[in-house]
Amino acid sequence: MSPRDSFRWLTRLAYNDDVIVHIGDQRLVYKVRSVVEQADPDTLWKGIKHEQNPWMMLITCRGYDEKTNTYRWRTVIRAVLVDTTTDH
């Protein structure tokens, strides 16, 4: 997958799916723990809280409105780090 396609299939993720991130020689494996299909952009950040474990949030825009030149909602994926390895 090319970097420009990174969020292309974000909406297909489901609970317990793996999200794998490569940073240098590190391989980080996250497990999806929540998927919000139509998050309201105005209230998106109200549900954010501090977590003890490393988490990531992936957000993509959906429902473009040409009249307002904005997106009506967001898909939000939250995932927790479950494994870190070094590629050799």
Foldseek 3Di string as FASTA:
>chain_A
DDPVCLCVCVLVDDFQDWDWDDDPQKIWIWTWHDKDQFAAPVCVCVPDDDDPFDKDKDKDFACQDPVVRGGGGIIIIMITTDDMDGHD
